[in-house]
Amino acid sequence: MRRTPALPLARRLSRRLLPILLGLPVGALAQPAPSPAEAAPASGAALAAVAPTVVAPTSPTRPMQATPFRVGKWPEGVVATAGAVWVAQSGVRTVGRVDPKTGKVTASVKIGRLPVALAAAPDGAVMVQVNTDKQVKRIDPKTRRVKRLARLPDDPSGMGVAGDFAYVLLWQGGRSAGSSVLQIDLRTGKTRRSDNTGKNAGEISVAGDTVWVLRWAGVVERLDAATLQPRGRVDLGQRASKIAALDDGAFVGAGQDVLRLSGATVTHRQPLGGAVEALGAWHDGIIAVTDAGVVWLLDPATLAVRAQLTPPAPFRPRAMARDGQTLWMTQHGWQGDDAHGTLWRVSLERSRPVTVP
């Protein structure tokens, strides 16, 4: 079979990083238009019932309390651990350790070609999805030693960690025509692979006993986290790009809306006025960030707007992580310098309803 010529690195990044987990931009302009088959409900899928749009009594808007810090080139995934923030500096093949007080990069750990998604293990270790090398690696946060946890049989498109397992969304043969989920035991490195979870799968989120896989056409696949057996499929009826799960359901970024999904039903919908580029779910609050860098704080039960934080200037976020009342976001470029990236530290202190139990 004739192979397609390799694309330049910048174009490969834009094509392959768009669907990555923990907040990479996935906009409609960057995605292929769905075919009629994709737009129609998938076979065996339940068409989600859509509730009326949530209209909050008030939408408190205030300027974002944000501080930018310079980090390495092409920052992607970000995760906060005890006393440190870690950033995947994909353009320089490292993961940077950032002091959360000063914002300075105190160490850069060599990790491999194209580190993208990051996640924290229960013991505080940093799990790294290394795309080009097709590996998942583990960084000891104290010694900064790197250990390869697993080789990936196909190209990764997202990663999540729950309990003692990491879950990696794979594109079969490096193409979006087929996908599957690889479960990796964090203690032993042993793996288990699911059956095909469908084409154009771009996002994965894990919570409780369920793995949620989002396909760009707006189809959500649910798998049992222990066995990777299918639990059901939901057709949202519209394109979607982000998903974040809690034990009792999931939240989906679909165009300019955030949807609350319980089982096979969309119980609430909240329009944001901008494409959802990053989405995170916590039991005390949902955080969505639009393509202009506007941060929306939403109620997890109703999606009512608690606060809207406007940035000092529009920017497109790559990923986000939360550490208590601090939100961290990555952005390509640093004040016009493409050789570096930006890590934003955003205070949530004045957002009274969003509190940590």
Protein backbone atom coordinates (compact mmCIF):
# COMPACT_ATOMS: atom_id res chain seq x y z
CA MET A 1 0.00 0.00 0.00
CA ARG A 2 1.30 3.45 -0.86
CA ARG A 3 2.05 5.50 2.25
CA THR A 4 0.97 9.11 2.59
CA PRO A 5 3.98 11.47 2.75
CA ALA A 6 4.76 12.72 6.24
CA LEU A 7 3.37 16.14 7.08
CA PRO A 8 5.47 18.93 8.60
CA LEU A 9 5.65 18.86 12.42
CA ALA A 10 3.42 21.90 12.92
CA ARG A 11 0.64 20.39 10.81
CA ARG A 12 1.02 17.01 12.50
CA LEU A 13 0.67 18.73 15.85
CA SER A 14 -2.47 20.59 14.84
CA ARG A 15 -4.07 17.42 13.46
CA ARG A 16 -3.11 14.99 16.21
CA LEU A 17 -3.16 17.13 19.33
CA LEU A 18 -6.60 18.65 18.87
CA PRO A 19 -8.48 15.75 20.45
CA ILE A 20 -6.16 15.22 23.42
CA LEU A 21 -7.52 14.94 26.96
CA LEU A 22 -7.19 17.59 29.78
CA GLY A 23 -8.10 20.71 27.46
CA LEU A 24 -6.59 20.78 24.06
CA PRO A 25 -8.45 22.95 21.54
CA VAL A 26 -10.84 21.06 19.36
CA GLY A 27 -12.76 23.55 17.22
CA ALA A 28 -15.17 22.89 14.43
CA LEU A 29 -12.81 24.52 11.91
CA ALA A 30 -10.07 22.04 12.76
CA GLN A 31 -12.27 18.96 12.36
CA PRO A 32 -13.59 17.31 9.24
CA ALA A 33 -17.27 17.75 8.60
CA PRO A 34 -19.23 14.68 9.66
CA SER A 35 -20.49 12.41 6.94
CA PRO A 36 -24.23 11.67 6.80
CA ALA A 37 -23.49 8.33 8.45
CA GLU A 38 -21.69 10.06 11.30
CA ALA A 39 -24.41 12.66 11.72
CA ALA A 40 -27.11 10.01 12.03
CA PRO A 41 -27.58 8.17 15.35
CA ALA A 42 -25.19 5.23 15.65
CA SER A 43 -26.67 1.77 15.40
CA GLY A 44 -27.88 0.68 18.80
CA ALA A 45 -27.37 4.13 20.28
CA ALA A 46 -29.91 5.82 22.49
CA LEU A 47 -30.80 9.31 21.29
CA ALA A 48 -30.33 11.55 24.31
CA ALA A 49 -33.32 13.52 25.51
CA VAL A 50 -32.40 17.21 25.71
CA ALA A 51 -33.68 19.37 28.56
CA PRO A 52 -34.51 23.07 28.15
CA THR A 53 -31.61 25.52 28.26
CA VAL A 54 -30.64 26.59 31.75
CA VAL A 55 -31.04 30.34 32.25
CA ALA A 56 -29.31 31.56 35.39
CA PRO A 57 -30.97 34.44 37.29
CA THR A 58 -27.69 36.32 37.16
CA SER A 59 -24.36 35.81 35.43
CA PRO A 60 -21.76 37.51 37.64
CA THR A 61 -18.91 38.69 35.44
CA ARG A 62 -15.60 39.93 36.76
CA PRO A 63 -12.06 40.42 35.47
CA MET A 64 -9.88 37.35 35.77
CA GLN A 65 -7.21 37.49 38.47
CA ALA A 66 -4.50 35.91 36.34
CA THR A 67 -0.72 35.83 36.22
CA PRO A 68 1.18 34.52 33.16
CA PHE A 69 4.46 32.62 33.48
CA ARG A 70 6.90 31.62 30.77
CA VAL A 71 7.43 27.90 30.19
CA GLY A 72 8.91 25.71 27.45
CA LYS A 73 7.83 25.53 23.84
CA TRP A 74 4.37 24.20 22.94
CA PRO A 75 3.01 23.49 26.42
CA GLU A 76 0.18 20.97 26.40
CA GLY A 77 -1.06 18.94 29.38
CA VAL A 78 -0.80 20.30 32.91
CA VAL A 79 -1.33 18.66 36.30
CA ALA A 80 -0.92 19.83 39.89
CA THR A 81 0.61 17.62 42.59
CA ALA A 82 1.73 18.33 46.14
CA GLY A 83 3.89 21.46 45.97
CA ALA A 84 4.39 21.48 42.21
CA VAL A 85 2.75 22.03 38.83
CA TRP A 86 3.90 19.90 35.91
CA VAL A 87 3.67 20.99 32.26
CA ALA A 88 4.19 18.89 29.14
CA GLN A 89 6.61 21.01 27.08
CA SER A 90 6.00 19.13 23.86
CA GLY A 91 8.21 21.30 21.66
CA VAL A 92 11.35 20.49 23.66
CA ARG A 93 10.53 16.87 24.63
CA THR A 94 10.43 17.57 28.35
CA VAL A 95 8.05 17.86 31.28
CA GLY A 96 8.66 21.00 33.30
CA ARG A 97 8.29 21.22 37.07
CA VAL A 98 6.93 24.63 38.05
CA ASP A 99 7.02 26.23 41.49
CA PRO A 100 3.36 27.21 42.06
CA LYS A 101 4.35 30.26 44.14
CA THR A 102 6.90 31.82 41.81
CA GLY A 103 5.80 30.34 38.48
CA LYS A 104 9.40 29.48 37.64
CA VAL A 105 10.39 26.25 35.92
CA THR A 106 12.63 24.64 38.54
CA ALA A 107 13.41 21.48 36.55
CA SER A 108 12.89 20.03 33.08
CA VAL A 109 12.66 16.25 32.84
CA LYS A 110 13.61 14.65 29.52
CA ILE A 111 10.70 12.41 28.60
CA GLY A 112 10.68 11.64 24.86
CA ARG A 113 9.16 12.81 21.62
CA LEU A 114 5.93 14.78 21.90
CA PRO A 115 4.72 14.54 25.51
CA VAL A 116 1.08 15.64 25.56
CA ALA A 117 -1.34 14.44 28.23
CA LEU A 118 -0.48 14.40 31.94
CA ALA A 119 -2.30 12.84 34.88
CA ALA A 120 -1.55 12.29 38.57
CA ALA A 121 -1.40 8.77 40.00
CA PRO A 122 -2.76 8.06 43.50
CA ASP A 123 0.80 8.02 44.90
CA GLY A 124 1.54 11.48 43.46
CA ALA A 125 3.56 10.26 40.49
CA VAL A 126 3.11 12.09 37.19
CA MET A 127 1.90 9.93 34.31
CA VAL A 128 2.91 11.15 30.85
CA GLN A 129 1.44 10.21 27.49
CA VAL A 130 4.31 10.42 24.98
CA ASN A 131 2.69 10.47 21.57
CA THR A 132 5.41 9.94 18.99
CA ASP A 133 7.22 7.31 21.07
CA LYS A 134 3.88 5.58 21.80
CA GLN A 135 4.62 5.17 25.48
CA VAL A 136 3.23 5.99 28.90
CA LYS A 137 5.95 7.03 31.34
CA ARG A 138 6.01 7.69 35.06
CA ILE A 139 7.89 10.54 36.77
CA ASP A 140 8.75 10.23 40.44
CA PRO A 141 7.89 13.72 41.78
CA LYS A 142 10.66 13.62 44.42
CA THR A 143 13.60 12.18 42.49
CA ARG A 144 12.32 13.15 39.00
CA ARG A 145 13.39 9.72 37.77
CA VAL A 146 11.55 8.44 34.71
CA LYS A 147 10.26 4.91 34.25
CA ARG A 148 8.47 3.54 31.24
CA LEU A 149 5.17 2.06 32.37
CA ALA A 150 3.94 0.68 29.05
CA ARG A 151 4.46 0.64 25.31
CA LEU A 152 1.35 1.53 23.35
CA PRO A 153 0.29 -0.69 20.43
CA ASP A 154 -1.24 2.26 18.56
CA ASP A 155 -1.19 6.07 18.49
CA PRO A 156 -2.60 7.66 21.68
CA SER A 157 -5.33 10.28 21.59
CA GLY A 158 -6.00 10.88 25.29
CA MET A 159 -5.39 9.54 28.77
CA GLY A 160 -7.10 9.39 32.15
CA VAL A 161 -6.21 7.89 35.53
CA ALA A 162 -8.62 6.40 38.04
CA GLY A 163 -7.58 4.30 41.03
CA ASP A 164 -4.70 1.98 40.18
CA PHE A 165 -5.19 2.16 36.43
CA ALA A 166 -4.43 4.47 33.53
CA TYR A 167 -6.72 4.43 30.50
CA VAL A 168 -5.38 5.47 27.10
CA LEU A 169 -7.56 6.13 24.06
CA LEU A 170 -5.88 4.69 20.96
CA TRP A 171 -6.36 5.29 17.25
CA GLN A 172 -6.07 1.98 15.46
CA GLY A 173 -3.30 2.05 12.89
CA GLY A 174 -2.74 5.71 13.64
CA ARG A 175 -6.02 6.66 11.95
CA SER A 176 -9.28 7.88 13.42
CA ALA A 177 -11.30 5.27 11.51
CA GLY A 178 -11.14 2.99 14.55
CA SER A 179 -10.37 3.36 18.24
CA SER A 180 -10.04 1.38 21.45
CA VAL A 181 -9.17 1.86 25.12
CA LEU A 182 -6.03 0.42 26.69
CA GLN A 183 -6.15 -0.18 30.45
CA ILE A 184 -2.74 -0.10 32.16
CA ASP A 185 -2.13 -1.35 35.70
CA LEU A 186 -0.06 1.35 37.42
CA ARG A 187 1.50 -1.23 39.75
CA THR A 188 2.56 -3.89 37.24
CA GLY A 189 2.30 -2.30 33.79
CA LYS A 190 0.02 -5.10 32.59
CA THR A 191 -2.47 -4.08 29.92
CA ARG A 192 -5.96 -4.95 28.72
CA ARG A 193 -7.52 -3.64 25.51
CA SER A 194 -11.16 -3.01 24.68
CA ASP A 195 -13.00 -3.81 21.49
CA ASN A 196 -13.41 -1.13 18.83
CA THR A 197 -15.04 2.00 20.29
CA GLY A 198 -15.77 3.58 16.92
CA LYS A 199 -14.32 6.14 14.56
CA ASN A 200 -13.35 9.74 15.24
CA ALA A 201 -12.96 9.17 18.97
CA GLY A 202 -11.10 12.14 20.39
CA GLU A 203 -11.66 12.34 24.15
CA ILE A 204 -11.60 10.04 27.15
CA SER A 205 -12.56 10.58 30.79
CA VAL A 206 -12.72 8.12 33.68
CA ALA A 207 -14.61 8.36 36.95
CA GLY A 208 -15.91 5.76 39.37
CA ASP A 209 -16.54 2.52 37.51
CA THR A 210 -17.09 4.03 34.05
CA VAL A 211 -14.86 4.97 31.13
CA TRP A 212 -16.40 7.61 28.86
CA VAL A 213 -15.22 7.90 25.25
CA LEU A 214 -16.41 10.86 23.19
CA ARG A 215 -16.56 10.70 19.40
CA TRP A 216 -16.51 14.01 17.53
CA ALA A 217 -19.81 13.34 15.80
CA GLY A 218 -21.44 13.53 19.24
CA VAL A 219 -21.55 9.86 20.18
CA VAL A 220 -20.55 8.83 23.71
CA GLU A 221 -19.41 5.28 24.39
CA ARG A 222 -19.53 4.01 27.98
CA LEU A 223 -17.30 1.14 29.14
CA ASP A 224 -16.97 -0.75 32.40
CA ALA A 225 -13.73 0.50 33.95
CA ALA A 226 -12.77 -2.95 35.27
CA THR A 227 -13.56 -5.14 32.28
CA LEU A 228 -13.72 -2.60 29.42
CA GLN A 229 -16.99 -4.19 28.34
CA PRO A 230 -19.48 -1.79 26.71
CA ARG A 231 -22.18 -0.30 28.93
CA GLY A 232 -24.10 1.63 26.34
CA ARG A 233 -23.91 4.31 23.69
CA VAL A 234 -25.54 7.74 23.62
CA ASP A 235 -26.05 9.93 20.57
CA LEU A 236 -26.08 13.61 21.53
CA GLY A 237 -27.45 14.75 18.19
CA GLN A 238 -24.69 17.33 17.69
CA ARG A 239 -20.92 17.50 17.34
CA ALA A 240 -18.90 17.55 20.54
CA SER A 241 -15.25 17.96 21.47
CA LYS A 242 -14.74 17.73 25.26
CA ILE A 243 -15.84 15.41 28.04
CA ALA A 244 -15.24 15.36 31.80
CA ALA A 245 -16.77 12.74 34.07
CA LEU A 246 -17.84 12.38 37.69
CA ASP A 247 -19.05 9.28 39.49
CA ASP A 248 -22.69 10.02 38.67
CA GLY A 249 -22.43 11.24 35.07
CA ALA A 250 -20.49 13.28 32.57
CA PHE A 251 -20.28 16.79 31.16
CA VAL A 252 -19.75 17.42 27.47
CA GLY A 253 -18.49 20.44 25.56
CA ALA A 254 -20.60 20.56 22.39
CA GLY A 255 -19.92 23.62 20.27
CA GLN A 256 -20.69 26.60 22.47
CA ASP A 257 -22.71 24.56 24.96
CA VAL A 258 -21.95 22.49 28.03
CA LEU A 259 -24.24 19.49 28.46
CA ARG A 260 -24.90 17.50 31.61
CA LEU A 261 -25.29 13.82 30.82
CA SER A 262 -26.88 11.33 33.21
CA GLY A 263 -27.08 7.86 31.75
CA ALA A 264 -28.60 8.25 28.28
CA THR A 265 -30.20 11.62 29.02
CA VAL A 266 -28.99 15.19 28.65
CA THR A 267 -30.51 16.70 31.77
CA HIS A 268 -29.20 20.26 31.40
CA ARG A 269 -27.66 22.50 28.77
CA GLN A 270 -25.80 25.77 29.31
CA PRO A 271 -24.74 28.04 26.41
CA LEU A 272 -21.45 29.90 26.93
CA GLY A 273 -21.18 32.17 23.92
CA GLY A 274 -17.88 30.66 22.79
CA ALA A 275 -16.52 27.27 21.73
CA VAL A 276 -15.58 25.04 24.67
CA GLU A 277 -11.81 24.45 24.54
CA ALA A 278 -11.20 23.03 28.03
CA LEU A 279 -13.53 21.32 30.47
CA GLY A 280 -13.09 19.96 33.99
CA ALA A 281 -15.49 18.39 36.48
CA TRP A 282 -15.30 18.36 40.27
CA HIS A 283 -18.06 17.53 42.73
CA ASP A 284 -18.17 21.14 43.91
CA GLY A 285 -18.08 22.79 40.51
CA ILE A 286 -17.68 22.52 36.74
CA ILE A 287 -15.13 24.71 34.97
CA ALA A 288 -15.31 25.40 31.24
CA VAL A 289 -12.96 27.61 29.25
CA THR A 290 -13.89 29.01 25.85
CA ASP A 291 -11.75 29.70 22.80
CA ALA A 292 -11.30 33.30 23.98
CA GLY A 293 -9.95 32.23 27.37
CA VAL A 294 -13.14 33.10 29.27
CA VAL A 295 -13.54 30.89 32.35
CA TRP A 296 -17.07 29.82 33.30
CA LEU A 297 -17.83 28.39 36.75
CA LEU A 298 -20.96 26.25 36.66
CA ASP A 299 -23.10 24.43 39.21
CA PRO A 300 -22.59 20.66 38.81
CA ALA A 301 -26.26 19.84 39.42
CA THR A 302 -27.95 22.42 37.18
CA LEU A 303 -25.15 24.04 35.14
CA ALA A 304 -26.34 27.42 36.41
CA VAL A 305 -23.65 30.07 35.97
CA ARG A 306 -21.87 30.94 39.20
CA ALA A 307 -19.28 33.27 37.71
CA GLN A 308 -17.74 34.32 34.43
CA LEU A 309 -14.06 35.36 34.47
CA THR A 310 -12.82 37.47 31.58
CA PRO A 311 -9.09 37.34 30.73
CA PRO A 312 -6.92 40.44 30.29
CA ALA A 313 -6.73 39.57 26.58
CA PRO A 314 -8.27 36.74 24.54
CA PHE A 315 -6.22 33.55 24.29
CA ARG A 316 -6.81 29.93 23.29
CA PRO A 317 -6.16 27.45 26.13
CA ARG A 318 -4.50 24.10 25.49
CA ALA A 319 -5.25 22.35 28.79
CA MET A 320 -6.15 23.11 32.37
CA ALA A 321 -5.74 21.72 35.88
CA ARG A 322 -7.17 22.78 39.21
CA ASP A 323 -5.41 22.88 42.56
CA GLY A 324 -7.84 24.04 45.26
CA GLN A 325 -8.75 27.66 44.49
CA THR A 326 -6.15 27.96 41.72
CA LEU A 327 -6.69 27.16 38.06
CA TRP A 328 -3.71 26.49 35.79
CA MET A 329 -3.96 26.78 31.99
CA THR A 330 -1.45 26.35 29.19
CA GLN A 331 -1.16 28.41 26.03
CA HIS A 332 1.16 28.23 23.02
CA GLY A 333 3.43 31.25 22.64
CA TRP A 334 4.75 33.76 25.15
CA GLN A 335 4.00 37.43 24.46
CA GLY A 336 4.60 36.98 20.74
CA ASP A 337 7.53 34.59 21.19
CA ASP A 338 6.72 31.19 19.63
CA ALA A 339 9.86 29.63 21.10
CA HIS A 340 8.20 29.55 24.53
CA GLY A 341 4.76 28.97 25.98
CA THR A 342 2.57 30.46 28.69
CA LEU A 343 1.30 28.96 31.92
CA TRP A 344 -1.57 30.96 33.41
CA ARG A 345 -2.28 30.98 37.14
CA VAL A 346 -5.89 32.04 37.79
CA SER A 347 -7.31 32.70 41.23
CA LEU A 348 -10.78 31.39 42.01
CA GLU A 349 -10.86 32.89 45.51
CA ARG A 350 -13.58 35.44 44.81
CA SER A 351 -15.83 32.79 43.29
CA ARG A 352 -17.53 32.03 46.58
CA PRO A 353 -19.79 29.16 45.40
CA VAL A 354 -16.82 27.12 44.12
CA THR A 355 -15.24 25.80 47.30
CA VAL A 356 -13.15 22.77 48.14
CA PRO A 357 -14.82 20.47 50.70
